[in-house]
Every structure is written in C-alpha cells, then in structure tokens.
PDB file of N, CA and C in Angstrom:
ATOM      1  N   MET A   1      -3.402 -16.607 -14.392  1.00  0.00           N
ATOM      2  CA  MET A   1      -4.406 -15.713 -13.850  1.00  0.00           C
ATOM      3  C   MET A   1      -5.023 -16.369 -12.617  1.00  0.00           C
ATOM      4  N   LEU A   2      -5.201 -15.581 -11.587  1.00  0.00           N
ATOM      5  CA  LEU A   2      -5.875 -16.027 -10.372  1.00  0.00           C
ATOM      6  C   LEU A   2      -6.960 -15.024 -10.020  1.00  0.00           C
ATOM      7  N   GLN A   3      -8.016 -15.512  -9.422  1.00  0.00           N
ATOM      8  CA  GLN A   3      -9.048 -14.605  -8.945  1.00  0.00           C
ATOM      9  C   GLN A   3      -8.746 -14.259  -7.496  1.00  0.00           C
ATOM     10  N   ASP A   4      -8.614 -12.964  -7.242  1.00  0.00           N
ATOM     11  CA  ASP A   4      -8.342 -12.487  -5.893  1.00  0.00           C
ATOM     12  C   ASP A   4      -9.559 -12.792  -5.022  1.00  0.00           C
ATOM     13  N   PRO A   5      -9.383 -13.571  -3.958  1.00  0.00           N
ATOM     14  CA  PRO A   5     -10.532 -13.945  -3.125  1.00  0.00           C
ATOM     15  C   PRO A   5     -11.158 -12.766  -2.379  1.00  0.00           C
ATOM     16  N   LYS A   6     -10.420 -11.688  -2.184  1.00  0.00           N
ATOM     17  CA  LYS A   6     -10.959 -10.529  -1.464  1.00  0.00           C
ATOM     18  C   LYS A   6     -11.785  -9.632  -2.381  1.00  0.00           C
ATOM     19  N   SER A   7     -11.233  -9.301  -3.557  1.00  0.00           N
ATOM     20  CA  SER A   7     -11.907  -8.352  -4.449  1.00  0.00           C
ATOM     21  C   SER A   7     -12.731  -9.026  -5.543  1.00  0.00           C
ATOM     22  N   GLY A   8     -12.384 -10.271  -5.881  1.00  0.00           N
ATOM     23  CA  GLY A   8     -13.056 -10.948  -6.982  1.00  0.00           C
ATOM     24  C   GLY A   8     -12.454 -10.623  -8.333  1.00  0.00           C
ATOM     25  N   ASN A   9     -11.470  -9.713  -8.362  1.00  0.00           N
ATOM     26  CA  ASN A   9     -10.820  -9.336  -9.613  1.00  0.00           C
ATOM     27  C   ASN A   9      -9.846 -10.421 -10.065  1.00  0.00           C
ATOM     28  N   TRP A  10      -9.708 -10.546 -11.379  1.00  0.00           N
ATOM     29  CA  TRP A  10      -8.723 -11.470 -11.925  1.00  0.00           C
ATOM     30  C   TRP A  10      -7.387 -10.761 -12.003  1.00  0.00           C
ATOM     31  N   ILE A  11      -6.334 -11.441 -11.584  1.00  0.00           N
ATOM     32  CA  ILE A  11      -4.997 -10.861 -11.492  1.00  0.00           C
ATOM     33  C   ILE A  11      -4.020 -11.737 -12.262  1.00  0.00           C
ATOM     34  N   LYS A  12      -3.192 -11.085 -13.062  1.00  0.00           N
ATOM     35  CA  LYS A  12      -2.134 -11.802 -13.780  1.00  0.00           C
ATOM     36  C   LYS A  12      -0.976 -12.019 -12.813  1.00  0.00           C
ATOM     37  N   VAL A  13      -0.669 -13.271 -12.540  1.00  0.00           N
ATOM     38  CA  VAL A  13       0.414 -13.602 -11.615  1.00  0.00           C
ATOM     39  C   VAL A  13       1.738 -13.540 -12.365  1.00  0.00           C
ATOM     40  N   VAL A  14       2.665 -12.762 -11.841  1.00  0.00           N
ATOM     41  CA  VAL A  14       3.970 -12.612 -12.471  1.00  0.00           C
ATOM     42  C   VAL A  14       5.080 -13.313 -11.694  1.00  0.00           C
ATOM     43  N   GLN A  15       4.795 -13.656 -10.438  1.00  0.00           N
ATOM     44  CA  GLN A  15       5.807 -14.320  -9.621  1.00  0.00           C
ATOM     45  C   GLN A  15       5.126 -15.120  -8.522  1.00  0.00           C
ATOM     46  N   THR A  16       5.721 -16.232  -8.188  1.00  0.00           N
ATOM     47  CA  THR A  16       5.268 -17.047  -7.067  1.00  0.00           C
ATOM     48  C   THR A  16       6.422 -17.145  -6.091  1.00  0.00           C
ATOM     49  N   ALA A  17       6.132 -17.017  -4.823  1.00  0.00           N
ATOM     50  CA  ALA A  17       7.188 -17.112  -3.811  1.00  0.00           C
ATOM     51  C   ALA A  17       7.907 -18.442  -3.951  1.00  0.00           C
ATOM     52  N   ASP A  18       9.232 -18.413  -3.830  1.00  0.00           N
ATOM     53  CA  ASP A  18      10.033 -19.622  -3.967  1.00  0.00           C
ATOM     54  C   ASP A  18       9.777 -20.615  -2.844  1.00  0.00           C
ATOM     55  N   GLY A  19       9.535 -20.094  -1.668  1.00  0.00           N
ATOM     56  CA  GLY A  19       9.311 -20.957  -0.521  1.00  0.00           C
ATOM     57  C   GLY A  19       7.929 -20.721   0.055  1.00  0.00           C
ATOM     58  N   THR A  20       7.694 -21.324   1.175  1.00  0.00           N
ATOM     59  CA  THR A  20       6.409 -21.155   1.830  1.00  0.00           C
ATOM     60  C   THR A  20       6.549 -20.230   3.030  1.00  0.00           C
ATOM     61  N   THR A  21       5.440 -19.673   3.450  1.00  0.00           N
ATOM     62  CA  THR A  21       5.371 -18.808   4.623  1.00  0.00           C
ATOM     63  C   THR A  21       4.631 -19.565   5.708  1.00  0.00           C
ATOM     64  N   ASN A  22       5.039 -19.371   6.940  1.00  0.00           N
ATOM     65  CA  ASN A  22       4.395 -20.063   8.055  1.00  0.00           C
ATOM     66  C   ASN A  22       3.319 -19.200   8.696  1.00  0.00           C
ATOM     67  N   ALA A  23       2.164 -19.785   8.909  1.00  0.00           N
ATOM     68  CA  ALA A  23       1.129 -19.151   9.735  1.00  0.00           C
ATOM     69  C   ALA A  23       1.315 -19.712  11.133  1.00  0.00           C
ATOM     70  N   THR A  24       1.376 -18.824  12.124  1.00  0.00           N
ATOM     71  CA  THR A  24       1.641 -19.272  13.488  1.00  0.00           C
ATOM     72  C   THR A  24       0.499 -18.886  14.422  1.00  0.00           C
ATOM     73  N   ARG A  25       0.440 -19.577  15.502  1.00  0.00           N
ATOM     74  CA  ARG A  25      -0.512 -19.257  16.574  1.00  0.00           C
ATOM     75  C   ARG A  25       0.308 -18.817  17.775  1.00  0.00           C
ATOM     76  N   ARG A  26      -0.055 -17.686  18.357  1.00  0.00           N
ATOM     77  CA  ARG A  26       0.655 -17.174  19.530  1.00  0.00           C
ATOM     78  C   ARG A  26      -0.168 -17.501  20.771  1.00  0.00           C
ATOM     79  N   TYR A  27       0.507 -18.009  21.760  1.00  0.00           N
ATOM     80  CA  TYR A  27      -0.139 -18.352  23.024  1.00  0.00           C
ATOM     81  C   TYR A  27       0.096 -17.254  24.054  1.00  0.00           C
ATOM     82  N   SER A  28      -0.661 -17.268  25.124  1.00  0.00           N
ATOM     83  CA  SER A  28      -0.579 -16.220  26.145  1.00  0.00           C
ATOM     84  C   SER A  28       0.793 -16.148  26.815  1.00  0.00           C
ATOM     85  N   ASP A  29       1.522 -17.265  26.813  1.00  0.00           N
ATOM     86  CA  ASP A  29       2.851 -17.248  27.423  1.00  0.00           C
ATOM     87  C   ASP A  29       3.940 -16.770  26.458  1.00  0.00           C
ATOM     88  N   GLY A  30       3.532 -16.341  25.237  1.00  0.00           N
ATOM     89  CA  GLY A  30       4.488 -15.824  24.263  1.00  0.00           C
ATOM     90  C   GLY A  30       5.004 -16.860  23.275  1.00  0.00           C
ATOM     91  N   GLU A  31       4.728 -18.114  23.523  1.00  0.00           N
ATOM     92  CA  GLU A  31       5.171 -19.174  22.616  1.00  0.00           C
ATOM     93  C   GLU A  31       4.385 -19.121  21.309  1.00  0.00           C
ATOM     94  N   ARG A  32       5.032 -19.544  20.225  1.00  0.00           N
ATOM     95  CA  ARG A  32       4.379 -19.612  18.918  1.00  0.00           C
ATOM     96  C   ARG A  32       4.499 -21.023  18.370  1.00  0.00           C
ATOM     97  N   THR A  33       3.460 -21.451  17.662  1.00  0.00           N
ATOM     98  CA  THR A  33       3.449 -22.761  17.024  1.00  0.00           C
ATOM     99  C   THR A  33       3.031 -22.588  15.572  1.00  0.00           C
ATOM    100  N   VAL A  34       3.747 -23.248  14.655  1.00  0.00           N
ATOM    101  CA  VAL A  34       3.373 -23.222  13.243  1.00  0.00           C
ATOM    102  C   VAL A  34       2.120 -24.067  13.074  1.00  0.00           C
ATOM    103  N   ILE A  35       1.064 -23.452  12.510  1.00  0.00           N
ATOM    104  CA  ILE A  35      -0.180 -24.202  12.325  1.00  0.00           C
ATOM    105  C   ILE A  35      -0.412 -24.606  10.869  1.00  0.00           C
ATOM    106  N   GLU A  36       0.188 -23.878   9.916  1.00  0.00           N
ATOM    107  CA  GLU A  36       0.115 -24.263   8.518  1.00  0.00           C
ATOM    108  C   GLU A  36       1.112 -23.460   7.707  1.00  0.00           C
ATOM    109  N   GLN A  37       1.407 -23.957   6.519  1.00  0.00           N
ATOM    110  CA  GLN A  37       2.302 -23.263   5.603  1.00  0.00           C
ATOM    111  C   GLN A  37       1.512 -22.894   4.355  1.00  0.00           C
ATOM    112  N   TYR A  38       1.889 -21.793   3.736  1.00  0.00           N
ATOM    113  CA  TYR A  38       1.210 -21.364   2.521  1.00  0.00           C
ATOM    114  C   TYR A  38       2.194 -20.644   1.613  1.00  0.00           C
ATOM    115  N   ARG A  39       1.791 -20.488   0.362  1.00  0.00           N
ATOM    116  CA  ARG A  39       2.610 -19.814  -0.642  1.00  0.00           C
ATOM    117  C   ARG A  39       1.941 -18.484  -0.979  1.00  0.00           C
ATOM    118  N   VAL A  40       2.728 -17.513  -1.412  1.00  0.00           N
ATOM    119  CA  VAL A  40       2.209 -16.211  -1.799  1.00  0.00           C
ATOM    120  C   VAL A  40       2.418 -16.033  -3.299  1.00  0.00           C
ATOM    121  N   TYR A  41       1.358 -15.565  -3.982  1.00  0.00           N
ATOM    122  CA  TYR A  41       1.425 -15.242  -5.400  1.00  0.00           C
ATOM    123  C   TYR A  41       1.455 -13.721  -5.530  1.00  0.00           C
ATOM    124  N   TYR A  42       2.269 -13.212  -6.469  1.00  0.00           N
ATOM    125  CA  TYR A  42       2.395 -11.772  -6.677  1.00  0.00           C
ATOM    126  C   TYR A  42       1.840 -11.410  -8.047  1.00  0.00           C
ATOM    127  N   GLY A  43       0.950 -10.398  -8.089  1.00  0.00           N
ATOM    128  CA  GLY A  43       0.345  -9.958  -9.327  1.00  0.00           C
ATOM    129  C   GLY A  43       1.151  -8.872 -10.002  1.00  0.00           C
ATOM    130  N   ASP A  44       0.793  -8.582 -11.254  1.00  0.00           N
ATOM    131  CA  ASP A  44       1.522  -7.577 -12.022  1.00  0.00           C
ATOM    132  C   ASP A  44       1.265  -6.158 -11.527  1.00  0.00           C
ATOM    133  N   GLY A  45       0.270  -5.964 -10.672  1.00  0.00           N
ATOM    134  CA  GLY A  45       0.006  -4.650 -10.085  1.00  0.00           C
ATOM    135  C   GLY A  45       0.485  -4.546  -8.651  1.00  0.00           C
ATOM    136  N   GLY A  46       1.334  -5.497  -8.216  1.00  0.00           N
ATOM    137  CA  GLY A  46       1.862  -5.479  -6.857  1.00  0.00           C
ATOM    138  C   GLY A  46       0.988  -6.192  -5.842  1.00  0.00           C
ATOM    139  N   GLU A  47      -0.090  -6.845  -6.304  1.00  0.00           N
ATOM    140  CA  GLU A  47      -0.979  -7.543  -5.390  1.00  0.00           C
ATOM    141  C   GLU A  47      -0.290  -8.770  -4.802  1.00  0.00           C
ATOM    142  N   GLU A  48      -0.658  -9.118  -3.591  1.00  0.00           N
ATOM    143  CA  GLU A  48      -0.194 -10.349  -2.958  1.00  0.00           C
ATOM    144  C   GLU A  48      -1.411 -11.192  -2.634  1.00  0.00           C
ATOM    145  N   ILE A  49      -1.399 -12.452  -3.086  1.00  0.00           N
ATOM    146  CA  ILE A  49      -2.532 -13.339  -2.843  1.00  0.00           C
ATOM    147  C   ILE A  49      -2.052 -14.521  -2.021  1.00  0.00           C
ATOM    148  N   ASP A  50      -2.693 -14.732  -0.910  1.00  0.00           N
ATOM    149  CA  ASP A  50      -2.403 -15.837  -0.004  1.00  0.00           C
ATOM    150  C   ASP A  50      -3.023 -17.108  -0.583  1.00  0.00           C
ATOM    151  N   SER A  51      -2.211 -18.128  -0.832  1.00  0.00           N
ATOM    152  CA  SER A  51      -2.697 -19.347  -1.477  1.00  0.00           C
ATOM    153  C   SER A  51      -3.740 -20.094  -0.650  1.00  0.00           C
ATOM    154  N   ARG A  52      -3.823 -19.823   0.646  1.00  0.00           N
ATOM    155  CA  ARG A  52      -4.814 -20.504   1.477  1.00  0.00           C
ATOM    156  C   ARG A  52      -6.243 -20.128   1.099  1.00  0.00           C
ATOM    157  N   PHE A  53      -6.405 -18.986   0.446  1.00  0.00           N
ATOM    158  CA  PHE A  53      -7.745 -18.505   0.108  1.00  0.00           C
ATOM    159  C   PHE A  53      -8.101 -18.686  -1.362  1.00  0.00           C
ATOM    160  N   VAL A  54      -7.180 -19.242  -2.157  1.00  0.00           N
ATOM    161  CA  VAL A  54      -7.443 -19.453  -3.578  1.00  0.00           C
ATOM    162  C   VAL A  54      -8.235 -20.733  -3.745  1.00  0.00           C
ATOM    163  N   LYS A  55      -9.325 -20.637  -4.482  1.00  0.00           N
ATOM    164  CA  LYS A  55     -10.168 -21.800  -4.730  1.00  0.00           C
ATOM    165  C   LYS A  55      -9.820 -22.392  -6.089  1.00  0.00           C
ATOM    166  N   GLY A  56      -9.904 -23.693  -6.215  1.00  0.00           N
ATOM    167  CA  GLY A  56      -9.681 -24.337  -7.499  1.00  0.00           C
ATOM    168  C   GLY A  56      -8.232 -24.710  -7.728  1.00  0.00           C
ATOM    169  N   LEU A  57      -7.973 -25.161  -8.904  1.00  0.00           N
ATOM    170  CA  LEU A  57      -6.655 -25.661  -9.287  1.00  0.00           C
ATOM    171  C   LEU A  57      -5.714 -24.544  -9.656  1.00  0.00           C
ATOM    172  N   VAL A  58      -4.505 -24.595  -9.158  1.00  0.00           N
ATOM    173  CA  VAL A  58      -3.467 -23.627  -9.510  1.00  0.00           C
ATOM    174  C   VAL A  58      -2.299 -24.413 -10.067  1.00  0.00           C
ATOM    175  N   THR A  59      -1.876 -24.063 -11.265  1.00  0.00           N
ATOM    176  CA  THR A  59      -0.715 -24.713 -11.852  1.00  0.00           C
ATOM    177  C   THR A  59       0.372 -23.674 -12.077  1.00  0.00           C
ATOM    178  N   ARG A  60       1.592 -24.112 -12.050  1.00  0.00           N
ATOM    179  CA  ARG A  60       2.720 -23.209 -12.296  1.00  0.00           C
ATOM    180  C   ARG A  60       3.212 -23.420 -13.707  1.00  0.00           C
ATOM    181  N   GLN A  61       3.341 -22.351 -14.463  1.00  0.00           N
ATOM    182  CA  GLN A  61       3.884 -22.415 -15.812  1.00  0.00           C
ATOM    183  C   GLN A  61       5.213 -21.685 -15.825  1.00  0.00           C
ATOM    184  N   VAL A  62       6.159 -22.255 -16.529  1.00  0.00           N
ATOM    185  CA  VAL A  62       7.479 -21.644 -16.613  1.00  0.00           C
ATOM    186  C   VAL A  62       7.722 -21.260 -18.063  1.00  0.00           C
ATOM    187  N   ARG A  63       8.098 -20.002 -18.286  1.00  0.00           N
ATOM    188  CA  ARG A  63       8.438 -19.553 -19.637  1.00  0.00           C
ATOM    189  C   ARG A  63       9.938 -19.680 -19.831  1.00  0.00           C
ATOM    190  N   GLU A  64      10.294 -20.063 -21.025  1.00  0.00           N
ATOM    191  CA  GLU A  64      11.722 -20.183 -21.319  1.00  0.00           C
ATOM    192  C   GLU A  64      12.137 -19.182 -22.352  1.00  0.00           C
TER     193      GLU A  64
END
C-alpha cells in the first residue's frame, strides 16, 4: 500500500515498473539532459504514482 501524494488516498500497488524512467530538462536549443531517474508504481485502480513524490520507506514484496 502506498499513499498517493496528490490525493492522499491509500492505493494497493499491484505492479512496479521493471526499470526506471528518466526526468529530463529541455534547453532552448532543443537539447535534453537527464536530471534524475525514478520508478513508477501502478495501483489496482489504474493509478500511476511517481516514486519521487512518495514519502517514507517503500519495500518490494514478491508473492510466490
């Protein structure tokens, strides 16, 4: 369970992105630079939560 930083609602996470997503900065000349990487969590209602805004400890649990 994660608390959505935008709504404050608790969301059951059903999937975590396998890789990271890049946040980039675009300059006036069209060039882009990666400024940070983050992971996306997906909720059971289709919500997407950006890990950069999640507060506190997040652990990954694997069911077998």
